[in-house]
N, C-alpha and C. Protein backbone atom coordinates (compact mmCIF):
# COMPACT_ATOMS: atom_id res chain seq x y z
N UNK A 1 12.00 11.91 32.76
CA UNK A 1 11.11 10.97 32.14
C UNK A 1 11.38 9.76 32.59
N UNK A 2 10.54 8.90 33.16
CA UNK A 2 10.94 7.51 33.55
C UNK A 2 11.18 6.38 32.53
N UNK A 3 11.63 5.48 32.92
CA UNK A 3 12.00 4.38 31.65
C UNK A 3 10.65 3.80 31.31
N UNK A 4 9.47 3.74 32.08
CA UNK A 4 8.26 3.07 31.49
C UNK A 4 7.60 4.25 30.50
N UNK A 5 7.55 5.44 30.90
CA UNK A 5 7.02 6.35 30.19
C UNK A 5 7.70 6.49 28.66
N UNK A 6 8.85 6.62 28.92
CA UNK A 6 9.83 6.69 27.53
C UNK A 6 9.66 5.43 26.78
N UNK A 7 9.45 4.20 27.45
CA UNK A 7 9.36 2.99 26.64
C UNK A 7 7.95 3.07 25.93
N UNK A 8 6.83 3.60 26.85
CA UNK A 8 5.56 3.62 25.96
C UNK A 8 5.51 4.64 24.80
N UNK A 9 6.04 5.80 25.17
CA UNK A 9 6.36 6.78 23.99
C UNK A 9 6.88 6.39 22.78
N UNK A 10 8.02 5.57 22.88
CA UNK A 10 8.81 4.91 21.82
C UNK A 10 7.95 4.00 21.04
N UNK A 11 7.23 3.13 21.74
CA UNK A 11 6.40 2.18 21.13
C UNK A 11 5.30 3.05 20.49
N UNK A 12 4.53 3.90 21.00
CA UNK A 12 3.52 4.73 20.20
C UNK A 12 4.14 5.39 18.76
N UNK A 13 5.34 5.77 19.10
CA UNK A 13 5.90 6.45 17.82
C UNK A 13 6.28 5.40 16.77
N UNK A 14 6.71 4.44 17.12
CA UNK A 14 6.84 3.18 16.18
C UNK A 14 5.55 2.66 15.68
N UNK A 15 4.55 2.54 16.30
CA UNK A 15 3.32 2.05 15.82
C UNK A 15 2.75 2.88 14.87
N UNK A 16 2.66 4.15 15.16
CA UNK A 16 2.05 4.99 14.22
C UNK A 16 2.83 5.10 12.92
N UNK A 17 4.18 5.19 13.14
CA UNK A 17 4.93 5.20 11.94
C UNK A 17 4.71 3.94 10.99
N UNK A 18 4.65 2.78 11.56
CA UNK A 18 4.59 1.68 10.98
C UNK A 18 3.15 1.55 10.41
N UNK A 19 2.25 2.12 11.11
CA UNK A 19 0.65 2.10 10.56
C UNK A 19 0.56 3.00 9.32
N UNK A 20 1.32 4.30 9.35
CA UNK A 20 1.25 5.14 8.23
C UNK A 20 2.00 4.46 6.94
N UNK A 21 3.07 3.86 7.20
CA UNK A 21 3.96 3.23 6.20
C UNK A 21 2.97 2.19 5.70
N UNK A 22 2.41 1.25 6.20
CA UNK A 22 1.39 0.33 5.90
C UNK A 22 0.43 0.88 4.89
N UNK A 23 -0.34 1.87 5.37
CA UNK A 23 -1.61 2.33 4.74
C UNK A 23 -1.02 3.15 3.39
N UNK A 24 0.07 3.87 3.38
CA UNK A 24 0.57 4.36 2.23
C UNK A 24 0.96 3.06 1.13
N UNK A 25 1.57 2.17 1.59
CA UNK A 25 1.97 1.17 0.68
C UNK A 25 0.85 0.41 0.09
N UNK A 26 -0.20 0.20 1.11
CA UNK A 26 -1.55 -0.66 0.64
C UNK A 26 -2.17 0.23 -0.41
N UNK A 27 -2.19 1.41 -0.29
CA UNK A 27 -2.82 2.51 -1.18
C UNK A 27 -2.26 2.55 -2.59
N UNK A 28 -1.05 2.61 -2.45
CA UNK A 28 -0.06 2.59 -3.84
C UNK A 28 -0.22 1.37 -4.59
N UNK A 29 -0.35 0.03 -3.93
CA UNK A 29 -0.43 -1.16 -4.40
C UNK A 29 -1.87 -1.47 -5.22
N UNK A 30 -2.84 -0.89 -4.50
CA UNK A 30 -4.19 -0.90 -4.96
C UNK A 30 -4.30 -0.04 -6.27
N UNK A 31 -3.78 1.18 -6.09
CA UNK A 31 -3.91 2.17 -7.16
C UNK A 31 -3.28 1.62 -8.47
N UNK A 32 -2.09 1.11 -8.21
CA UNK A 32 -1.21 0.64 -9.30
C UNK A 32 -1.79 -0.59 -10.02
N UNK A 33 -2.35 -1.45 -9.20
CA UNK A 33 -3.09 -2.64 -9.86
C UNK A 33 -4.28 -2.26 -10.60
N UNK A 34 -5.07 -1.40 -9.96
CA UNK A 34 -6.30 -0.97 -10.82
C UNK A 34 -5.86 -0.17 -12.05
N UNK A 35 -4.83 0.60 -12.11
CA UNK A 35 -4.69 1.21 -13.49
C UNK A 35 -4.13 0.39 -14.37
N UNK A 36 -3.58 -0.86 -14.11
CA UNK A 36 -3.22 -1.77 -15.17
C UNK A 36 -4.23 -2.68 -15.51
N UNK A 37 -5.38 -2.78 -14.92
CA UNK A 37 -6.46 -3.78 -15.19
C UNK A 37 -7.08 -3.41 -16.60
N UNK A 38 -7.17 -4.41 -17.46
CA UNK A 38 -7.86 -4.06 -18.83
C UNK A 38 -9.15 -3.72 -18.85
N UNK A 39 -9.97 -4.01 -17.75
CA UNK A 39 -11.29 -3.57 -17.40
C UNK A 39 -11.26 -2.01 -17.54
N UNK A 40 -10.27 -1.44 -16.53
CA UNK A 40 -10.09 0.06 -16.39
C UNK A 40 -9.98 0.69 -17.65
N UNK A 41 -9.08 0.21 -18.52
CA UNK A 41 -8.72 0.79 -19.76
C UNK A 41 -9.95 0.80 -20.62
N UNK A 42 -10.83 -0.45 -20.68
CA UNK A 42 -11.83 -0.36 -21.48
C UNK A 42 -13.13 0.45 -21.07
N UNK A 43 -13.21 0.69 -19.75
CA UNK A 43 -14.15 1.50 -19.26
C UNK A 43 -14.12 2.94 -19.48
N UNK A 44 -12.82 3.38 -19.52
CA UNK A 44 -12.41 4.83 -20.20
C UNK A 44 -12.16 4.95 -21.57
N UNK A 45 -12.09 3.79 -22.26
CA UNK A 45 -11.88 3.85 -23.68
C UNK A 45 -10.43 4.23 -23.92
N UNK A 46 -9.47 3.56 -23.20
CA UNK A 46 -8.14 3.93 -23.35
C UNK A 46 -7.52 2.85 -24.12
N UNK A 47 -6.40 3.43 -24.89
CA UNK A 47 -5.64 2.37 -25.81
C UNK A 47 -4.23 2.34 -25.15
N UNK A 48 -3.59 1.38 -25.35
CA UNK A 48 -2.09 1.22 -24.96
C UNK A 48 -1.11 1.44 -26.22
N UNK A 49 -1.70 1.64 -27.34
CA UNK A 49 -0.91 2.03 -28.38
C UNK A 49 -1.67 2.74 -29.46
N UNK A 50 -0.88 3.52 -30.27
CA UNK A 50 -1.67 4.38 -31.27
C UNK A 50 -1.94 5.70 -30.67
N UNK A 51 -2.80 6.72 -31.53
CA UNK A 51 -2.96 8.00 -31.29
C UNK A 51 -3.69 8.31 -29.75
N UNK A 52 -4.19 7.42 -29.00
CA UNK A 52 -4.74 7.71 -27.77
C UNK A 52 -4.00 7.43 -26.70
N UNK A 53 -2.72 7.13 -26.81
CA UNK A 53 -1.86 6.69 -25.78
C UNK A 53 -1.63 8.02 -24.70
N UNK A 54 -1.59 9.11 -25.38
CA UNK A 54 -1.21 10.33 -24.38
C UNK A 54 -2.41 10.70 -23.58
N UNK A 55 -3.48 10.37 -23.97
CA UNK A 55 -4.83 10.41 -23.08
C UNK A 55 -4.71 9.56 -21.97
N UNK A 56 -4.45 8.34 -22.41
CA UNK A 56 -4.45 7.30 -21.25
C UNK A 56 -3.27 7.69 -20.30
N UNK A 57 -2.14 8.05 -20.66
CA UNK A 57 -1.02 8.24 -19.89
C UNK A 57 -1.38 9.49 -18.86
N UNK A 58 -2.35 10.62 -19.44
CA UNK A 58 -2.60 11.79 -18.73
C UNK A 58 -3.62 11.24 -17.66
N UNK A 59 -4.55 10.48 -17.97
CA UNK A 59 -5.55 9.85 -16.90
C UNK A 59 -4.79 9.06 -15.88
N UNK A 60 -4.09 8.12 -16.30
CA UNK A 60 -3.46 7.23 -15.17
C UNK A 60 -2.57 8.15 -14.48
N UNK A 61 -1.82 9.18 -14.93
CA UNK A 61 -0.99 9.95 -13.89
C UNK A 61 -1.80 10.73 -13.05
N UNK A 62 -2.88 11.24 -13.51
CA UNK A 62 -3.85 12.09 -12.62
C UNK A 62 -4.47 11.07 -11.55
N UNK A 63 -4.96 10.02 -11.91
CA UNK A 63 -5.42 9.08 -10.89
C UNK A 63 -4.41 8.57 -9.87
N UNK A 64 -3.08 8.39 -10.34
CA UNK A 64 -2.27 7.99 -9.41
C UNK A 64 -1.76 9.14 -8.50
N UNK A 65 -1.85 10.27 -8.91
CA UNK A 65 -1.30 11.40 -8.13
C UNK A 65 -2.46 11.90 -7.04
N UNK A 66 -3.62 11.60 -7.50
CA UNK A 66 -4.76 12.00 -6.49
C UNK A 66 -5.10 10.93 -5.49
N UNK A 67 -4.53 9.73 -5.80
CA UNK A 67 -4.72 8.72 -4.85
C UNK A 67 -3.58 8.68 -3.69
N UNK A 68 -2.30 9.44 -4.14
CA UNK A 68 -1.28 9.40 -3.26
C UNK A 68 -1.44 10.29 -2.16
């Protein structure tokens, strides 16, 4: 393998790894931000205290795991 081919190959590998890392981090940031919004909690009638907390926790965990 020549030096030019090897350099191009390394660049492509690094580029796609960085792109995947960026998109995963961006997706996690958006999902985490939305799950904490008060409008999200109000829309689904979720509470942050009292007897409805387990429902809110299950819904948030399901949304976070499906987004990842």
